[in-house]
Amino acid sequence: MIERPANPPSIHVLGIRVNMVQMGEALGLIEHWIQQRDRCRYIVATQMHGVMEARRDPDFKTVLDSADLFVPDGISLTWLAHRRGFGSQKRICGSDLMLEFLELAEEKGYRNFFYGDTEDTLRDDQNESDVFLVEGTQLGYGDKEAWN
């Protein structure tokens, strides 16, 4: 069952917001965003290493802080969630979230667009997504100034 949390609860880990949602809630939120069609959104799925990198790299911290949803993709973040009162929080592996969303997208007829850091990554994504509606792909992340 897909559920959409009204405002996903969160904890702060070393100054970074990490949302406390389960897989079904994350999928429900994504589907809600698709139906809203109000703006582009993005999700971060990383573990403690990403949080530590954000402490060293202010640009990366901005990326994490600006995410519409940050799911805990690591046991250490899940453990911290449990210690802070979110005892039922489970790890949400980014690749699992993507695969579950792609299954939902296939069922609902949503189109997908993939960004990749190399031609090999995009080729692998396209080969693995033969059953999914792929609207397009883009190599790389574009000009850094274009993101400001």
Protein backbone atom coordinates (compact mmCIF):
# COMPACT_ATOMS: atom_id res chain seq x y z
CA MET A 1 0.00 0.00 0.00
CA ILE A 2 1.33 3.43 -0.92
CA GLU A 3 1.00 6.11 1.73
CA ARG A 4 1.91 9.78 1.51
CA PRO A 5 3.13 11.44 4.70
CA ALA A 6 1.82 15.01 5.04
CA ASN A 7 5.15 16.39 6.20
CA PRO A 8 7.72 13.65 6.54
CA PRO A 9 9.30 13.71 9.99
CA SER A 10 13.04 14.10 10.13
CA ILE A 11 16.10 14.04 12.32
CA HIS A 12 19.22 16.13 11.95
CA VAL A 13 22.54 14.35 11.72
CA LEU A 14 25.57 16.65 11.91
CA GLY A 15 23.40 19.49 10.65
CA ILE A 16 21.84 17.54 7.75
CA ARG A 17 18.10 16.76 7.62
CA VAL A 18 17.30 13.07 7.10
CA ASN A 19 13.64 12.17 6.58
CA MET A 20 12.07 9.36 8.55
CA VAL A 21 9.86 7.58 6.02
CA GLN A 22 9.29 3.98 5.05
CA MET A 23 9.44 2.74 1.46
CA GLY A 24 5.67 2.98 0.91
CA GLU A 25 5.59 6.53 2.23
CA ALA A 26 8.47 7.57 -0.04
CA LEU A 27 6.68 6.07 -3.05
CA GLY A 28 3.45 7.80 -2.04
CA LEU A 29 5.24 11.13 -1.79
CA ILE A 30 6.83 10.67 -5.22
CA GLU A 31 3.46 9.82 -6.72
CA HIS A 32 1.91 12.88 -5.04
CA TRP A 33 4.63 15.07 -6.59
CA ILE A 34 3.93 13.61 -10.03
CA GLN A 35 0.25 14.38 -9.67
CA GLN A 36 0.98 17.92 -8.45
CA ARG A 37 3.17 18.72 -11.48
CA ASP A 38 4.28 21.94 -9.79
CA ARG A 39 8.09 21.72 -10.08
CA CYS A 40 11.06 19.42 -10.45
CA ARG A 41 12.08 17.58 -7.32
CA TYR A 42 14.88 15.29 -6.26
CA ILE A 43 15.60 12.65 -3.67
CA VAL A 44 18.85 11.90 -1.89
CA ALA A 45 19.58 8.34 -0.78
CA THR A 46 22.91 8.18 0.98
CA GLN A 47 24.50 6.87 4.10
CA MET A 48 26.69 8.40 6.80
CA HIS A 49 29.54 8.83 4.31
CA GLY A 50 27.42 11.34 2.37
CA VAL A 51 26.65 13.27 5.56
CA MET A 52 30.37 13.38 6.39
CA GLU A 53 31.22 14.57 2.87
CA ALA A 54 28.69 17.37 3.27
CA ARG A 55 30.63 18.62 6.31
CA ARG A 56 33.72 18.98 4.09
CA ASP A 57 32.06 20.25 0.93
CA PRO A 58 29.63 23.19 1.29
CA ASP A 59 28.29 22.71 -2.26
CA PHE A 60 27.43 19.08 -1.50
CA LYS A 61 25.82 20.15 1.79
CA THR A 62 23.61 22.50 -0.23
CA VAL A 63 22.61 19.60 -2.48
CA LEU A 64 21.63 17.49 0.54
CA ASP A 65 19.87 20.35 2.31
CA SER A 66 17.92 21.27 -0.84
CA ALA A 67 16.64 17.74 -1.52
CA ASP A 68 12.90 17.31 -1.34
CA LEU A 69 13.42 13.99 0.39
CA PHE A 70 16.52 12.49 2.03
CA VAL A 71 16.08 8.79 2.78
CA PRO A 72 18.48 6.90 5.07
CA ASP A 73 20.40 4.51 2.81
CA GLY A 74 22.68 3.13 5.46
CA ILE A 75 22.54 1.20 8.69
CA SER A 76 24.28 3.92 10.70
CA LEU A 77 21.59 6.50 9.82
CA THR A 78 18.91 3.91 10.60
CA TRP A 79 20.58 3.17 13.94
CA LEU A 80 20.62 6.90 14.77
CA ALA A 81 16.93 7.10 13.86
CA HIS A 82 16.20 4.29 16.32
CA ARG A 83 18.22 6.05 19.04
CA ARG A 84 16.23 9.24 18.43
CA GLY A 85 12.81 7.66 18.79
CA PHE A 86 12.11 6.32 15.29
CA GLY A 87 12.38 2.65 16.24
CA SER A 88 10.52 1.36 13.18
CA GLN A 89 12.70 3.22 10.65
CA LYS A 90 14.18 0.90 8.05
CA ARG A 91 17.00 1.47 5.64
CA ILE A 92 15.77 2.64 2.24
CA CYS A 93 18.33 1.54 -0.31
CA GLY A 94 18.38 4.04 -3.19
CA SER A 95 18.50 1.36 -5.86
CA ASP A 96 15.56 -0.47 -4.24
CA LEU A 97 13.58 2.78 -4.15
CA MET A 98 14.31 3.35 -7.82
CA LEU A 99 13.31 -0.19 -8.81
CA GLU A 100 10.09 -0.03 -6.79
CA PHE A 101 9.28 3.33 -8.35
CA LEU A 102 9.99 1.97 -11.85
CA GLU A 103 7.52 -0.85 -11.18
CA LEU A 104 4.95 1.74 -10.04
CA ALA A 105 5.74 3.86 -13.10
CA GLU A 106 5.17 0.88 -15.39
CA GLU A 107 1.83 0.18 -13.71
CA LYS A 108 0.71 3.83 -13.90
CA GLY A 109 2.25 4.67 -17.29
CA TYR A 110 4.69 7.26 -15.92
CA ARG A 111 7.62 8.13 -18.17
CA ASN A 112 11.18 8.14 -16.85
CA PHE A 113 14.21 10.29 -17.59
CA PHE A 114 17.66 9.14 -16.51
CA TYR A 115 20.73 11.22 -15.72
CA GLY A 116 24.07 9.42 -15.71
CA ASP A 117 27.65 10.24 -15.04
CA THR A 118 29.09 8.16 -17.91
CA GLU A 119 27.90 6.66 -21.16
CA ASP A 120 28.31 3.19 -19.62
CA THR A 121 25.97 4.11 -16.73
CA LEU A 122 23.30 5.37 -19.11
CA ARG A 123 23.68 2.35 -21.37
CA ASP A 124 23.33 0.00 -18.37
CA ASP A 125 20.26 1.93 -17.15
CA GLN A 126 18.66 1.73 -20.58
CA ASN A 127 19.42 -1.99 -20.95
CA GLU A 128 17.90 -2.74 -17.55
CA SER A 129 14.83 -0.60 -18.21
CA ASP A 130 13.60 -2.17 -21.44
CA VAL A 131 10.19 -2.72 -19.87
CA PHE A 132 9.92 0.85 -18.54
CA LEU A 133 8.87 3.95 -20.46
CA VAL A 134 12.08 5.92 -20.96
CA GLU A 135 11.43 9.48 -22.05
CA GLY A 136 15.11 10.36 -22.37
CA THR A 137 18.59 10.36 -20.94
CA GLN A 138 21.31 12.95 -20.33
CA LEU A 139 25.01 12.37 -19.93
CA GLY A 140 26.63 14.18 -17.04
CA TYR A 141 25.27 16.83 -14.78
CA GLY A 142 25.53 19.94 -16.94
CA ASP A 143 27.32 23.19 -16.34
CA LYS A 144 27.65 23.96 -12.60
CA GLU A 145 26.68 27.62 -13.20
CA ALA A 146 23.40 26.47 -14.80
CA TRP A 147 22.31 25.02 -11.43
CA ASN A 148 22.52 28.37 -9.62
